[in-house]
Amino acid sequence: MRGSVLAVVAVLLCATCRLGCAFIDGLVPNGNFELGPKPSDMKGTVVIGKYAIPKWEISGFVEYIKSGQKQGDMLLVVPEGAFAVRLGNEASIKQRLRVQKGMYYSITFSAARTCAQEEKLNISVAPDSGVLPMQTLYSSNGWDSYAWAFQAELDVAEIVIHNPGVEEDPACGPLIDSIAIRALYPPKATNKNLLKNGGFEEGPYIFQNTSWGVLIPPNIEDDHSPLPGWMVESLKAVKYIDSAHFSVPGGYRAIELVAGKESAIAQVARTIPGKTYTLFFAVGDASNSCEGSMIVEAFAGRDTIKVPYESKGKGGFKRAVLRFKAVSTRTRIMFYSTFYTMRSDDFSSLCGPVVDDVVLLSVRNPRLM
């Protein structure tokens, strides 16, 4: 249903847009870098020329990397297709993309750390920008996908991914591949759910041919969150997962809390002081070999509940309920995992419990319940 709506919107935008169609969903032009520079625009692996990579503008020390290429004893792996780019010291890639003014968008891209230890990336669409830390590797294959969101203030967005690092070796920067964008349609609270996007169905683009989900970085506020309605109030990321690659309690999307108490999501709901409310939610595992005893802690203002879940790593979930009395006009709803958990099949990938189907309702007559 949502796909057909997007298709209709895309047609209407194309019909009304003189300079091209506003982007809706999918890889940006040459977003996987499979179209490469001409041999005359290369010096070894280094790209020479501002516009040498089709559809992109580059600056600084940018390398064009082929899958399986070696750097010393390290094998460079490309997550999708055969090619990626590597951003050296103060290097950046940039692309201008037609968007719809006022619309919210989420950018998803894959990145891998190479030889630098404190790598981070600055991603921006003026006037918005954010720094994404890459110190923590969440998957064992060397790659993670990240999401970042912005609101379009013009009908053309200039997307810039920049490596602000300064290393002794200028090539010690992150590999970048598979850059996509998705228009977001922020849901609203209703009388059926006082929380926005409680089922996590609205969120960043997930690559169809990848099986590691998308990380929503730490310290993401709800004004420009790639997960509309929700904030990431923690030092580590949370993982956005889909039913095509993981076990999801309801619908097509859910959140995996992959870094214990350092991986938390929150939302502030409008409440009436003195009134009783009930918070419903599901806790499970993603069927990704994340085994063991898990506990999800849920908070609603001053009230809390700990929900244990014994995972066999093969999917499944249980329902939980937290009833509370509001003490203010705004109540913070928050979830995090008590423990750190590692996948049993590789012992190097962080994982954790899944949270989904979060519903907040007011109780009309608490005495009858």
Protein backbone atom coordinates (compact mmCIF):
# COMPACT_ATOMS: atom_id res chain seq x y z
CA MET A 1 0.00 0.00 0.00
CA ARG A 2 2.73 2.45 0.99
CA GLY A 3 4.68 1.60 -2.16
CA SER A 4 1.74 2.50 -4.41
CA VAL A 5 1.27 5.78 -2.56
CA LEU A 6 4.96 6.61 -3.06
CA ALA A 7 4.64 5.81 -6.75
CA VAL A 8 1.69 8.19 -7.14
CA VAL A 9 3.56 10.91 -5.25
CA ALA A 10 6.61 10.41 -7.46
CA VAL A 11 4.52 10.77 -10.63
CA LEU A 12 2.91 13.97 -9.38
CA LEU A 13 6.27 15.42 -8.41
CA CYS A 14 7.75 14.58 -11.80
CA ALA A 15 4.82 16.23 -13.55
CA THR A 16 5.19 19.47 -11.62
CA CYS A 17 8.98 19.71 -11.43
CA ARG A 18 10.70 21.57 -14.27
CA LEU A 19 14.30 20.64 -13.55
CA GLY A 20 13.70 17.00 -12.69
CA CYS A 21 11.84 14.82 -10.27
CA ALA A 22 12.20 15.16 -6.52
CA PHE A 23 13.90 12.09 -5.13
CA ILE A 24 11.71 9.65 -3.19
CA ASP A 25 13.37 6.34 -2.41
CA GLY A 26 16.51 4.41 -3.38
CA LEU A 27 20.15 4.77 -4.36
CA VAL A 28 21.24 8.25 -5.40
CA PRO A 29 22.74 8.46 -8.93
CA ASN A 30 25.87 6.27 -8.96
CA GLY A 31 25.35 5.82 -5.24
CA ASN A 32 27.22 2.50 -5.31
CA PHE A 33 30.17 3.97 -7.28
CA GLU A 34 30.04 1.23 -9.91
CA LEU A 35 30.59 3.94 -12.54
CA GLY A 36 34.22 4.82 -12.04
CA PRO A 37 36.79 7.33 -13.25
CA LYS A 38 38.52 7.04 -16.59
CA PRO A 39 42.04 5.57 -16.43
CA SER A 40 43.38 9.02 -17.32
CA ASP A 41 41.72 10.39 -14.16
CA MET A 42 43.53 7.93 -11.88
CA LYS A 43 47.00 7.90 -10.36
CA GLY A 44 47.20 4.45 -8.87
CA THR A 45 44.10 4.30 -6.67
CA VAL A 46 43.92 8.08 -6.21
CA VAL A 47 41.25 9.93 -8.18
CA ILE A 48 42.53 12.99 -10.04
CA GLY A 49 39.95 15.57 -11.05
CA LYS A 50 37.03 17.18 -9.27
CA TYR A 51 34.38 15.52 -11.43
CA ALA A 52 36.21 12.30 -12.31
CA ILE A 53 33.67 10.05 -10.53
CA PRO A 54 30.40 10.24 -12.50
CA LYS A 55 27.58 12.11 -10.70
CA TRP A 56 29.92 13.14 -7.86
CA GLU A 57 32.13 16.10 -7.02
CA ILE A 58 35.18 15.25 -4.94
CA SER A 59 37.78 17.19 -3.01
CA GLY A 60 40.94 16.15 -1.21
CA PHE A 61 42.57 12.72 -1.16
CA VAL A 62 39.92 10.34 -2.57
CA GLU A 63 40.69 6.79 -3.65
CA TYR A 64 38.68 4.50 -5.91
CA ILE A 65 38.83 1.05 -4.34
CA LYS A 66 38.12 -2.30 -5.98
CA SER A 67 36.79 -5.18 -3.89
CA GLY A 68 39.59 -7.46 -2.76
CA GLN A 69 42.24 -4.78 -3.05
CA LYS A 70 45.01 -5.04 -0.45
CA GLN A 71 46.56 -2.37 1.71
CA GLY A 72 49.60 -3.96 3.29
CA ASP A 73 48.27 -7.09 4.98
CA MET A 74 44.70 -5.76 5.08
CA LEU A 75 42.11 -6.86 2.53
CA LEU A 76 39.65 -4.09 1.62
CA VAL A 77 36.10 -5.40 1.32
CA VAL A 78 33.31 -3.68 -0.60
CA PRO A 79 29.78 -4.40 0.71
CA GLU A 80 27.86 -4.02 -2.54
CA GLY A 81 29.05 -4.45 -6.09
CA ALA A 82 32.74 -4.19 -6.95
CA PHE A 83 33.78 -0.64 -6.08
CA ALA A 84 33.75 1.94 -3.28
CA VAL A 85 35.56 5.18 -2.45
CA ARG A 86 37.91 5.93 0.41
CA LEU A 87 38.11 9.37 1.96
CA GLY A 88 41.54 10.44 3.17
CA ASN A 89 42.40 13.42 5.37
CA GLU A 90 39.87 16.24 4.93
CA ALA A 91 38.48 14.58 1.78
CA SER A 92 34.83 14.73 0.79
CA ILE A 93 32.32 13.63 -1.82
CA LYS A 94 29.37 15.78 -2.81
CA GLN A 95 26.22 15.43 -4.90
CA ARG A 96 23.34 17.78 -5.62
CA LEU A 97 19.94 16.11 -5.60
CA ARG A 98 16.48 17.43 -6.34
CA VAL A 99 14.20 17.14 -3.31
CA GLN A 100 10.88 18.58 -2.15
CA LYS A 101 11.25 21.72 -0.07
CA GLY A 102 10.03 21.24 3.50
CA MET A 103 10.11 17.43 3.25
CA TYR A 104 12.06 15.24 5.70
CA TYR A 105 14.62 12.84 4.24
CA SER A 106 16.88 10.12 5.59
CA ILE A 107 20.23 9.27 4.04
CA THR A 108 21.56 5.73 4.42
CA PHE A 109 25.12 4.80 3.53
CA SER A 110 27.56 1.99 4.24
CA ALA A 111 30.98 2.67 5.70
CA ALA A 112 33.98 0.68 6.87
CA ARG A 113 36.88 1.75 9.03
CA THR A 114 40.31 1.03 7.59
CA CYS A 115 43.55 1.81 9.43
CA ALA A 116 42.67 4.85 11.55
CA GLN A 117 41.44 4.24 15.08
CA GLU A 118 39.35 7.35 15.74
CA GLU A 119 37.54 7.58 12.45
CA LYS A 120 34.38 9.65 12.15
CA LEU A 121 32.38 11.17 9.34
CA ASN A 122 30.72 14.52 8.96
CA ILE A 123 27.56 14.39 6.86
CA SER A 124 25.71 17.54 5.92
CA VAL A 125 22.90 19.04 3.90
CA ALA A 126 23.08 22.76 4.64
CA PRO A 127 22.18 24.08 7.12
CA ASP A 128 22.05 20.68 8.91
CA SER A 129 25.12 18.60 9.71
CA GLY A 130 26.11 15.78 12.00
CA VAL A 131 29.21 13.89 13.09
CA LEU A 132 28.90 10.11 13.04
CA PRO A 133 31.42 8.25 15.23
CA MET A 134 32.82 5.03 13.79
CA GLN A 135 34.94 3.78 16.68
CA THR A 136 32.52 0.94 17.43
CA LEU A 137 32.11 -1.78 14.81
CA TYR A 138 28.73 -3.47 15.22
CA SER A 139 29.02 -6.22 12.59
CA SER A 140 31.75 -8.79 11.99
CA ASN A 141 32.00 -8.33 8.22
CA GLY A 142 33.77 -4.99 8.61
CA TRP A 143 30.87 -2.88 7.37
CA ASP A 144 28.01 -1.00 8.98
CA SER A 145 25.22 1.01 7.42
CA TYR A 146 24.33 4.37 9.00
CA ALA A 147 21.34 6.68 8.75
CA TRP A 148 21.13 10.45 9.11
CA ALA A 149 18.19 12.77 8.46
CA PHE A 150 17.53 16.34 7.40
CA GLN A 151 14.70 18.65 6.41
CA ALA A 152 15.00 20.15 2.93
CA GLU A 153 15.07 23.94 3.08
CA LEU A 154 15.50 24.26 -0.70
CA ASP A 155 14.36 22.21 -3.68
CA VAL A 156 17.94 21.07 -4.25
CA ALA A 157 19.91 19.35 -1.49
CA GLU A 158 23.72 19.33 -1.57
CA ILE A 159 24.74 16.12 0.19
CA VAL A 160 28.30 16.19 1.52
CA ILE A 161 30.14 13.31 3.23
CA HIS A 162 33.43 14.53 4.67
CA ASN A 163 36.26 12.87 6.59
CA PRO A 164 37.48 15.45 9.15
CA GLY A 165 40.31 13.20 10.35
CA VAL A 166 43.99 14.09 10.20
CA GLU A 167 46.18 11.00 10.08
CA GLU A 168 49.90 10.57 9.33
CA ASP A 169 48.91 8.36 6.42
CA PRO A 170 46.43 10.39 4.31
CA ALA A 171 44.89 7.16 3.01
CA CYS A 172 43.81 6.06 6.50
CA GLY A 173 40.20 7.04 6.08
CA PRO A 174 36.85 5.27 5.87
CA LEU A 175 35.52 3.40 2.86
CA ILE A 176 32.13 4.65 1.64
CA ASP A 177 29.62 2.76 -0.49
CA SER A 178 25.90 2.41 -1.26
CA ILE A 179 24.43 5.86 -0.59
CA ALA A 180 20.64 6.01 -0.66
CA ILE A 181 17.92 8.45 0.32
CA ARG A 182 14.33 8.03 1.47
CA ALA A 183 11.54 10.55 1.95
CA LEU A 184 10.10 10.38 5.46
CA TYR A 185 6.46 10.87 6.34
CA PRO A 186 6.44 11.58 10.09
CA PRO A 187 3.37 9.94 11.66
CA LYS A 188 1.26 11.69 14.26
CA ALA A 189 -0.10 10.60 17.61
CA THR A 190 -3.74 9.40 17.49
CA ASN A 191 -6.41 8.26 19.92
CA LYS A 192 -5.25 4.70 19.16
CA ASN A 193 -1.66 5.46 20.12
CA LEU A 194 -0.38 8.54 21.94
CA LEU A 195 3.12 7.74 20.64
CA LYS A 196 4.32 8.54 17.15
CA ASN A 197 5.68 5.73 14.99
CA GLY A 198 5.22 3.16 17.75
CA GLY A 199 5.63 0.28 15.29
CA PHE A 200 8.81 1.80 13.81
CA GLU A 201 7.40 1.36 10.30
CA GLU A 202 8.59 4.81 9.23
CA GLY A 203 12.37 4.98 9.09
CA PRO A 204 15.51 5.04 6.96
CA TYR A 205 16.14 3.18 3.73
CA ILE A 206 17.34 -0.41 4.22
CA PHE A 207 19.40 -1.95 1.42
CA GLN A 208 17.65 -5.02 0.04
CA ASN A 209 20.85 -7.01 -0.52
CA THR A 210 22.38 -6.44 2.92
CA SER A 211 21.66 -8.38 6.09
CA TRP A 212 23.10 -6.15 8.82
CA GLY A 213 20.36 -3.55 9.28
CA VAL A 214 20.92 0.20 9.60
CA LEU A 215 22.48 1.96 12.58
CA ILE A 216 20.78 5.08 13.91
CA PRO A 217 23.68 6.99 15.50
CA PRO A 218 23.82 8.21 19.11
CA ASN A 219 22.56 11.60 20.27
CA ILE A 220 19.94 11.92 17.54
CA GLU A 221 17.16 14.38 18.41
CA ASP A 222 13.58 13.94 17.27
CA ASP A 223 13.53 17.13 15.15
CA HIS A 224 15.75 15.49 12.55
CA SER A 225 15.63 11.83 13.42
CA PRO A 226 15.86 9.14 10.71
CA LEU A 227 13.43 7.29 12.99
CA PRO A 228 10.54 9.81 13.10
CA GLY A 229 9.16 10.47 16.56
CA TRP A 230 12.07 8.84 18.37
CA MET A 231 15.36 10.04 19.84
CA VAL A 232 18.54 8.01 20.40
CA GLU A 233 19.52 9.11 23.91
CA SER A 234 22.69 7.13 24.38
CA LEU A 235 26.41 6.87 23.69
CA LYS A 236 25.95 4.06 21.18
CA ALA A 237 23.69 3.47 18.21
CA VAL A 238 20.51 1.45 17.93
CA LYS A 239 19.89 -0.84 14.97
CA TYR A 240 16.93 -0.52 12.61
CA ILE A 241 15.96 -3.95 11.25
CA ASP A 242 13.49 -5.32 8.70
CA SER A 243 11.40 -8.47 8.42
CA ALA A 244 13.15 -9.48 5.18
CA HIS A 245 16.36 -10.29 7.09
CA PHE A 246 15.32 -10.53 10.76
CA SER A 247 12.51 -11.73 12.98
CA VAL A 248 10.22 -8.78 13.74
CA PRO A 249 7.33 -8.96 16.28
CA GLY A 250 4.91 -6.94 14.13
CA GLY A 251 4.81 -5.26 10.73
CA TYR A 252 7.96 -4.87 8.66
CA ARG A 253 10.36 -2.93 10.91
CA ALA A 254 11.62 -2.93 14.51
CA ILE A 255 14.50 -1.72 16.69
CA GLU A 256 17.32 -3.87 18.08
CA LEU A 257 19.04 -2.50 21.20
CA VAL A 258 22.60 -3.55 20.40
CA ALA A 259 24.73 -1.93 23.10
CA GLY A 260 23.22 -2.53 26.51
CA LYS A 261 22.44 0.57 28.57
CA GLU A 262 24.47 2.61 26.08
CA SER A 263 21.84 1.94 23.40
CA ALA A 264 18.53 3.67 24.20
CA ILE A 265 15.53 5.11 22.38
CA ALA A 266 13.09 7.63 23.84
CA GLN A 267 10.02 9.67 23.00
CA VAL A 268 8.20 12.38 24.91
CA ALA A 269 4.40 11.99 24.95
CA ARG A 270 1.77 14.53 25.92
CA THR A 271 0.00 13.42 29.10
CA ILE A 272 -2.44 14.80 31.68
CA PRO A 273 -1.13 14.95 35.28
CA GLY A 274 -2.97 12.53 37.54
CA LYS A 275 -4.35 10.46 34.68
CA THR A 276 -3.52 6.75 34.37
CA TYR A 277 -1.87 5.40 31.23
CA THR A 278 -0.86 1.98 29.92
CA LEU A 279 2.27 1.33 27.88
CA PHE A 280 2.16 -1.82 25.73
CA PHE A 281 5.21 -3.17 23.87
CA ALA A 282 6.81 -6.33 22.51
CA VAL A 283 10.25 -7.73 23.41
CA GLY A 284 11.95 -10.45 21.37
CA ASP A 285 15.03 -11.50 19.44
CA ALA A 286 15.91 -10.86 15.81
CA SER A 287 16.66 -14.50 14.85
CA ASN A 288 20.29 -13.53 14.33
CA SER A 289 21.99 -15.97 16.74
CA CYS A 290 21.70 -13.49 19.60
CA GLU A 291 21.30 -15.98 22.43
CA GLY A 292 21.05 -15.77 26.20
CA SER A 293 19.24 -13.99 28.99
CA MET A 294 18.11 -10.50 28.03
CA ILE A 295 16.28 -7.78 29.90
CA VAL A 296 14.61 -4.73 28.40
CA GLU A 297 14.04 -1.86 30.83
CA ALA A 298 11.13 0.42 29.99
CA PHE A 299 10.58 3.80 31.62
CA ALA A 300 7.51 6.01 31.69
CA GLY A 301 8.33 9.11 33.69
CA ARG A 302 9.14 7.90 37.21
CA ASP A 303 7.81 4.37 36.64
CA THR A 304 9.78 1.47 35.25
CA ILE A 305 9.54 -2.21 34.42
CA LYS A 306 12.16 -4.86 33.65
CA VAL A 307 11.09 -7.42 31.06
CA PRO A 308 13.22 -10.59 30.95
CA TYR A 309 13.48 -12.53 27.71
CA GLU A 310 15.31 -15.82 27.29
CA SER A 311 16.54 -15.89 23.71
CA LYS A 312 17.50 -18.94 21.70
CA GLY A 313 18.52 -16.68 18.83
CA LYS A 314 15.88 -18.11 16.50
CA GLY A 315 13.15 -15.49 16.71
CA GLY A 316 10.13 -15.04 18.94
CA PHE A 317 8.78 -12.38 21.29
CA LYS A 318 6.63 -11.69 24.33
CA ARG A 319 4.26 -8.87 25.24
CA ALA A 320 4.73 -6.52 28.18
CA VAL A 321 2.64 -3.87 29.93
CA LEU A 322 3.56 -0.92 32.15
CA ARG A 323 0.81 1.06 33.86
CA PHE A 324 1.62 4.45 35.37
CA LYS A 325 0.08 7.68 36.55
CA ALA A 326 1.31 10.80 34.79
CA VAL A 327 2.89 13.49 36.97
CA SER A 328 3.39 16.14 34.27
CA THR A 329 2.10 17.30 30.89
CA ARG A 330 4.98 15.55 29.16
CA THR A 331 6.13 12.01 29.94
CA ARG A 332 9.37 10.54 28.66
CA ILE A 333 9.04 6.96 27.38
CA MET A 334 12.41 5.20 27.13
CA PHE A 335 13.78 1.72 26.42
CA TYR A 336 17.22 0.20 26.85
CA SER A 337 18.80 -3.22 27.29
CA THR A 338 20.29 -4.15 30.67
CA PHE A 339 23.08 -6.35 29.28
CA TYR A 340 25.60 -6.39 26.46
CA THR A 341 25.13 -9.44 24.20
CA MET A 342 27.27 -10.89 21.41
CA ARG A 343 26.12 -13.12 18.58
CA SER A 344 26.90 -16.78 19.24
CA ASP A 345 27.96 -17.49 15.66
CA ASP A 346 30.89 -15.06 15.52
CA PHE A 347 31.43 -13.62 19.06
CA SER A 348 32.35 -10.24 17.59
CA SER A 349 29.04 -8.69 16.56
CA LEU A 350 27.05 -6.71 19.11
CA CYS A 351 23.39 -7.65 19.31
CA GLY A 352 20.51 -7.39 21.73
CA PRO A 353 16.76 -7.59 22.33
CA VAL A 354 14.23 -6.32 19.81
CA VAL A 355 11.57 -3.76 20.76
CA ASP A 356 8.44 -3.28 18.65
CA ASP A 357 4.70 -2.49 18.73
CA VAL A 358 4.97 0.29 21.31
CA VAL A 359 1.53 1.66 22.18
CA LEU A 360 0.58 4.25 24.80
CA LEU A 361 -3.08 4.63 25.79
CA SER A 362 -4.93 6.49 28.52
CA VAL A 363 -7.07 4.46 30.89
CA ARG A 364 -10.62 5.80 31.11
CA ASN A 365 -11.58 4.10 34.37
CA PRO A 366 -8.56 2.53 36.09
CA ARG A 367 -10.72 1.17 38.94
CA LEU A 368 -12.41 -1.26 36.55
CA MET A 369 -9.09 -2.79 35.50
